[in-house]
Amino acid sequence: MEPLIYTLVRGADWRAAEAAGAYQGSADDRRDGFLHFSTASQLRASAAKHRAGEADLWMVEADAAALGDSLRWEPAAGGSRPGLFPHLYAPLPVSAVRRAVSVPLGADGLHAFPAGIP
């Protein structure tokens, strides 16, 4: 599928993950039993739906191939959104992260993603 996948992480959680060497997921991830990821083309819609208005948010870009068999491509719960989404059934090792960048809120209240995110 896609070579790079993305997750949106609250700042304090990302700083803890960097210190620990792995991201364990948000409360929602732990409830669902996997870490929620998006492709580049799914990321803005995911941010709008699940992280609207949140400041101190980080976009974490991971190498999908480095995640092995713990990464599965599945439909959204209840088929609420089209396409398959990457779900990681393990903690995200920091070693699989290619970059992590702050995603501030723009003047319009939407997250301002870096270049390359459609």
Protein backbone atom coordinates (compact mmCIF):
# COMPACT_ATOMS: atom_id res chain seq x y z
CA MET A 1 0.00 0.00 0.00
CA GLU A 2 1.45 3.42 0.90
CA PRO A 3 5.16 3.60 1.85
CA LEU A 4 4.58 6.33 4.46
CA ILE A 5 1.73 6.54 6.96
CA TYR A 6 0.77 9.24 9.45
CA THR A 7 -0.67 9.59 12.91
CA LEU A 8 -1.57 12.70 14.87
CA VAL A 9 -0.15 12.75 18.38
CA ARG A 10 -0.65 15.23 21.21
CA GLY A 11 2.57 17.00 22.13
CA ALA A 12 2.95 15.60 25.65
CA ASP A 13 2.32 12.08 24.36
CA TRP A 14 4.94 12.47 21.61
CA ARG A 15 7.55 13.79 24.04
CA ALA A 16 6.89 10.77 26.29
CA ALA A 17 7.18 8.43 23.30
CA GLU A 18 10.53 9.92 22.30
CA ALA A 19 11.83 9.41 25.83
CA ALA A 20 10.51 5.83 26.01
CA GLY A 21 11.49 4.82 22.46
CA ALA A 22 7.93 3.93 21.43
CA TYR A 23 4.48 5.48 21.15
CA GLN A 24 1.84 3.45 22.97
CA GLY A 25 -1.13 5.29 21.47
CA SER A 26 -3.85 7.62 22.64
CA ALA A 27 -6.72 6.60 24.92
CA ASP A 28 -8.80 6.01 21.77
CA ASP A 29 -6.07 3.79 20.30
CA ARG A 30 -5.84 1.73 23.48
CA ARG A 31 -9.64 1.40 23.61
CA ASP A 32 -9.77 0.19 19.99
CA GLY A 33 -6.77 -2.15 20.34
CA PHE A 34 -4.63 -0.55 17.62
CA LEU A 35 -2.96 2.73 16.68
CA HIS A 36 -4.92 4.74 14.12
CA PHE A 37 -2.94 5.92 11.11
CA SER A 38 -3.85 7.66 7.85
CA THR A 39 -2.35 7.97 4.42
CA ALA A 40 -1.24 11.43 3.29
CA SER A 41 -4.51 11.87 1.39
CA GLN A 42 -6.60 10.85 4.43
CA LEU A 43 -4.76 12.96 7.01
CA ARG A 44 -6.59 16.29 6.75
CA ALA A 45 -10.01 14.63 7.04
CA SER A 46 -8.80 12.60 10.03
CA ALA A 47 -7.52 15.75 11.73
CA ALA A 48 -10.82 17.55 11.11
CA LYS A 49 -12.85 14.64 12.45
CA HIS A 50 -10.75 13.53 15.43
CA ARG A 51 -8.47 16.44 16.43
CA ALA A 52 -10.39 19.58 15.42
CA GLY A 53 -9.18 22.67 17.25
CA GLU A 54 -6.41 20.88 19.16
CA ALA A 55 -3.22 22.86 19.63
CA ASP A 56 0.18 21.22 20.31
CA LEU A 57 -0.46 18.45 17.82
CA TRP A 58 2.30 16.55 16.03
CA MET A 59 2.19 14.81 12.68
CA VAL A 60 4.22 11.62 12.97
CA GLU A 61 5.31 10.07 9.67
CA ALA A 62 6.27 6.40 9.81
CA ASP A 63 7.82 3.96 7.36
CA ALA A 64 5.08 1.39 6.75
CA ALA A 65 7.54 -1.34 5.73
CA ALA A 66 9.38 -1.02 9.06
CA LEU A 67 6.21 -1.99 10.95
CA GLY A 68 5.97 -5.52 9.57
CA ASP A 69 2.98 -7.77 10.11
CA SER A 70 1.63 -5.60 12.95
CA LEU A 71 0.40 -3.13 10.32
CA ARG A 72 -2.95 -3.97 8.72
CA TRP A 73 -4.99 -2.08 6.12
CA GLU A 74 -8.64 -2.09 7.18
CA PRO A 75 -11.88 -0.17 6.57
CA ALA A 76 -12.92 2.49 9.07
CA ALA A 77 -15.23 1.31 11.83
CA GLY A 78 -18.76 0.99 10.53
CA GLY A 79 -17.61 1.89 7.01
CA SER A 80 -17.93 5.56 7.98
CA ARG A 81 -15.17 6.67 5.59
CA PRO A 82 -14.18 5.23 2.21
CA GLY A 83 -10.91 3.41 1.62
CA LEU A 84 -8.63 1.37 3.79
CA PHE A 85 -6.81 2.83 6.78
CA PRO A 86 -3.50 1.68 8.25
CA HIS A 87 -3.94 0.25 11.75
CA LEU A 88 -0.92 -0.73 13.86
CA TYR A 89 -1.48 -3.57 16.31
CA ALA A 90 1.67 -2.82 18.32
CA PRO A 91 3.39 0.22 19.79
CA LEU A 92 5.04 2.50 17.23
CA PRO A 93 8.82 2.26 17.63
CA VAL A 94 10.48 5.66 17.34
CA SER A 95 13.03 3.96 15.06
CA ALA A 96 10.28 3.58 12.40
CA VAL A 97 9.49 7.32 12.46
CA ARG A 98 10.88 9.27 9.52
CA ARG A 99 9.84 12.69 10.85
CA ALA A 100 7.68 14.31 13.48
CA VAL A 101 6.59 17.90 12.97
CA SER A 102 4.38 20.27 14.88
CA VAL A 103 1.05 20.98 13.21
CA PRO A 104 -0.13 24.37 14.46
CA LEU A 105 -3.60 25.77 14.08
CA GLY A 106 -3.91 28.34 11.30
CA ALA A 107 -5.90 31.58 11.52
CA ASP A 108 -8.86 29.65 10.06
CA GLY A 109 -8.78 27.20 12.99
CA LEU A 110 -7.62 24.32 10.79
CA HIS A 111 -4.32 22.49 11.23
CA ALA A 112 -1.52 23.82 9.02
CA PHE A 113 0.19 20.74 7.60
CA PRO A 114 3.64 20.79 6.02
CA ALA A 115 4.13 20.77 2.26
CA GLY A 116 3.42 17.41 0.65
CA ILE A 117 0.23 16.70 2.59
CA PRO A 118 -2.66 17.12 0.13
